[in-house]
Amino acid sequence: MDTLTMIVGVCFAAVVCGIAARLMYLQRKGAAKDDKNEAADNSSKTLQLQAYERLLLLTNRMALPNVVSRVNVPEVGARDMQLLLLQAIREEFDYNITQQIYVSPAAWDAIKNLKEQNMLAVNQIAASLPANATGLDLNRRILEYVMTDQRGNLHELVAEALSFEAKKLL
């Protein structure tokens, strides 16, 4: 009986050790999976925050006063200046179009709306000028519009909305 008891004891110990080893393996595998998920979440948040930063920069670059100062070629006619301003707005937007996959649809809609409103403002102001107007005349009227009409400062509202969404990620 001593031998049989010893064999049963060894078998029982082997089973217990096997179960313990399996549980430790599963626990480590789960912890590694949790670490990977946490790393993926952190990576995703980082990409989203970078996209919001990029879109804040885009909002600033598409702001009418900043576009006017960057594309200031006063010796051209108003029509040519209009085309240069529209091109600058479009290029800024197109350069950042991929950022939409990292931000909320509302944030991206705000960016698109800013682009469209700024282009509309440039077109409407240019259309209101006489045929012999200069680029300087157009730029001056755009800056007057920004200072007198709240719609000219839409970039500030968009920037606030983007900042609010970015802070929710922190």
Protein backbone atom coordinates (compact mmCIF):
# COMPACT_ATOMS: atom_id res chain seq x y z
CA MET A 1 0.00 0.00 0.00
CA ASP A 2 2.84 2.36 0.61
CA THR A 3 3.82 2.26 -3.02
CA LEU A 4 0.26 2.81 -4.17
CA THR A 5 -0.16 5.76 -1.81
CA MET A 6 3.08 7.21 -3.06
CA ILE A 7 2.03 6.85 -6.72
CA VAL A 8 -1.36 8.47 -6.04
CA GLY A 9 0.37 11.29 -4.13
CA VAL A 10 2.85 11.90 -6.96
CA CYS A 11 0.04 11.83 -9.55
CA PHE A 12 -2.02 14.24 -7.45
CA ALA A 13 0.97 16.58 -7.05
CA ALA A 14 1.66 16.41 -10.79
CA VAL A 15 -1.97 17.30 -11.61
CA VAL A 16 -1.95 20.19 -9.12
CA CYS A 17 1.36 21.48 -10.54
CA GLY A 18 0.00 21.17 -14.09
CA ILE A 19 -3.14 23.10 -13.19
CA ALA A 20 -1.10 25.76 -11.39
CA ALA A 21 1.26 26.09 -14.37
CA ARG A 22 -1.68 26.41 -16.76
CA LEU A 23 -3.31 29.08 -14.58
CA MET A 24 -0.06 31.05 -14.40
CA TYR A 25 0.35 30.80 -18.18
CA LEU A 26 -3.20 32.04 -18.78
CA GLN A 27 -2.74 34.86 -16.27
CA ARG A 28 0.47 36.03 -17.92
CA LYS A 29 -1.09 35.75 -21.36
CA GLY A 30 -4.06 37.82 -20.17
CA ALA A 31 -1.77 40.43 -18.62
CA ALA A 32 0.22 40.65 -21.85
CA LYS A 33 -3.03 41.03 -23.78
CA ASP A 34 -4.15 43.78 -21.38
CA ASP A 35 -0.79 45.50 -21.83
CA LYS A 36 -1.18 45.31 -25.61
CA ASN A 37 -4.74 46.67 -25.40
CA GLU A 38 -3.60 49.48 -23.12
CA ALA A 39 -0.73 50.28 -25.46
CA ALA A 40 -3.12 50.27 -28.42
CA ASP A 41 -5.52 52.59 -26.54
CA ASN A 42 -2.66 54.94 -25.69
CA SER A 43 -1.45 54.86 -29.27
CA SER A 44 -4.95 55.61 -30.54
CA LYS A 45 -5.33 58.52 -28.11
CA THR A 46 -1.95 59.86 -29.18
CA LEU A 47 -2.97 59.75 -32.84
CA GLN A 48 -6.27 61.45 -32.06
CA LEU A 49 -4.59 64.19 -30.03
CA GLN A 50 -2.07 64.76 -32.81
CA ALA A 51 -4.93 65.04 -35.30
CA TYR A 52 -6.69 67.63 -33.14
CA GLU A 53 -3.41 69.55 -32.87
CA ARG A 54 -3.03 69.40 -36.63
CA LEU A 55 -6.60 70.60 -37.17
CA LEU A 56 -6.10 73.47 -34.72
CA LEU A 57 -3.12 74.50 -36.79
CA LEU A 58 -5.20 74.15 -39.96
CA THR A 59 -7.94 76.30 -38.42
CA ASN A 60 -5.38 78.98 -37.68
CA ARG A 61 -3.88 78.77 -41.17
CA MET A 62 -7.33 78.98 -42.81
CA ALA A 63 -8.37 82.01 -40.72
CA LEU A 64 -8.99 84.84 -43.16
CA PRO A 65 -6.55 87.33 -41.57
CA ASN A 66 -3.77 84.73 -41.70
CA VAL A 67 -4.52 83.72 -45.29
CA VAL A 68 -4.52 87.38 -46.32
CA SER A 69 -1.18 88.03 -44.63
CA ARG A 70 0.43 84.91 -46.12
CA VAL A 71 -0.84 85.49 -49.66
CA ASN A 72 -0.34 89.23 -49.76
CA VAL A 73 0.55 90.17 -53.34
CA PRO A 74 -0.87 93.71 -53.50
CA GLU A 75 0.31 94.47 -57.05
CA VAL A 76 -2.08 91.92 -58.59
CA GLY A 77 -5.69 92.60 -59.43
CA ALA A 78 -8.55 91.68 -57.14
CA ARG A 79 -9.56 88.70 -59.31
CA ASP A 80 -6.05 87.23 -59.22
CA MET A 81 -5.83 87.83 -55.46
CA GLN A 82 -9.19 86.10 -55.06
CA LEU A 83 -7.86 83.04 -56.89
CA LEU A 84 -4.67 83.03 -54.81
CA LEU A 85 -6.63 83.22 -51.55
CA LEU A 86 -9.00 80.44 -52.61
CA GLN A 87 -6.09 78.29 -53.70
CA ALA A 88 -4.32 78.79 -50.36
CA ILE A 89 -7.45 77.80 -48.40
CA ARG A 90 -8.04 74.75 -50.60
CA GLU A 91 -4.42 73.60 -50.36
CA GLU A 92 -4.37 73.89 -46.57
CA PHE A 93 -7.56 71.86 -46.36
CA ASP A 94 -6.42 69.23 -48.86
CA TYR A 95 -3.08 68.83 -47.09
CA ASN A 96 -4.88 67.87 -43.88
CA ILE A 97 -7.78 65.86 -45.27
CA THR A 98 -6.55 62.56 -43.83
CA GLN A 99 -6.92 63.86 -40.28
CA GLN A 100 -10.66 63.26 -40.52
CA ILE A 101 -10.22 59.57 -39.73
CA TYR A 102 -8.92 60.41 -36.24
CA VAL A 103 -11.49 63.00 -35.13
CA SER A 104 -15.22 63.06 -34.56
CA PRO A 105 -17.54 63.70 -37.50
CA ALA A 106 -18.66 66.94 -35.80
CA ALA A 107 -15.07 68.18 -35.61
CA TRP A 108 -14.45 67.40 -39.26
CA ASP A 109 -17.73 69.03 -40.27
CA ALA A 110 -16.64 72.17 -38.43
CA ILE A 111 -13.40 72.21 -40.42
CA LYS A 112 -15.25 71.71 -43.72
CA ASN A 113 -17.71 74.44 -42.80
CA LEU A 114 -14.87 76.84 -41.98
CA LYS A 115 -13.29 76.17 -45.35
CA GLU A 116 -16.56 76.67 -47.22
CA GLN A 117 -17.52 79.82 -45.28
CA ASN A 118 -14.11 81.40 -45.83
CA MET A 119 -14.18 80.63 -49.53
CA LEU A 120 -17.72 82.01 -49.78
CA ALA A 121 -16.67 85.20 -47.98
CA VAL A 122 -13.71 85.71 -50.31
CA ASN A 123 -15.92 85.17 -53.36
CA GLN A 124 -18.68 87.48 -52.14
CA ILE A 125 -16.31 90.26 -51.15
CA ALA A 126 -14.45 89.97 -54.45
CA ALA A 127 -17.75 90.12 -56.36
CA SER A 128 -18.70 93.33 -54.56
CA LEU A 129 -15.56 95.15 -55.74
CA PRO A 130 -15.37 97.20 -58.92
CA ALA A 131 -13.67 95.64 -61.96
CA ASN A 132 -10.53 97.76 -61.56
CA ALA A 133 -9.99 96.86 -57.87
CA THR A 134 -6.56 95.70 -56.75
CA GLY A 135 -5.49 92.80 -54.60
CA LEU A 136 -4.81 95.31 -51.85
CA ASP A 137 -8.44 96.49 -52.09
CA LEU A 138 -9.67 92.92 -51.74
CA ASN A 139 -7.40 92.20 -48.78
CA ARG A 140 -8.48 95.40 -47.06
CA ARG A 141 -12.17 94.55 -47.51
CA ILE A 142 -11.63 91.02 -46.20
CA LEU A 143 -9.94 92.36 -43.08
CA GLU A 144 -12.78 94.86 -42.59
CA TYR A 145 -15.23 91.97 -42.88
CA VAL A 146 -13.34 90.00 -40.22
CA MET A 147 -13.41 92.96 -37.85
CA THR A 148 -17.08 93.86 -38.36
CA ASP A 149 -18.89 90.57 -38.95
CA GLN A 150 -18.93 87.66 -36.48
CA ARG A 151 -18.92 85.17 -39.34
CA GLY A 152 -15.47 86.45 -40.21
CA ASN A 153 -14.22 84.99 -36.92
CA LEU A 154 -15.65 81.51 -37.41
CA HIS A 155 -12.12 80.15 -37.01
CA GLU A 156 -12.23 81.09 -33.31
CA LEU A 157 -15.38 79.03 -32.72
CA VAL A 158 -13.95 76.07 -34.61
CA ALA A 159 -10.72 76.28 -32.60
CA GLU A 160 -12.69 76.29 -29.35
CA ALA A 161 -14.71 73.24 -30.42
CA LEU A 162 -11.56 71.34 -31.42
CA SER A 163 -9.86 72.22 -28.14
CA PHE A 164 -12.90 71.05 -26.19
CA GLU A 165 -12.92 67.70 -27.99
CA ALA A 166 -9.17 67.24 -27.56
CA LYS A 167 -9.43 67.91 -23.83
CA LYS A 168 -12.05 65.18 -23.52
CA LEU A 169 -9.38 62.70 -24.62
CA LEU A 170 -7.01 63.69 -21.82
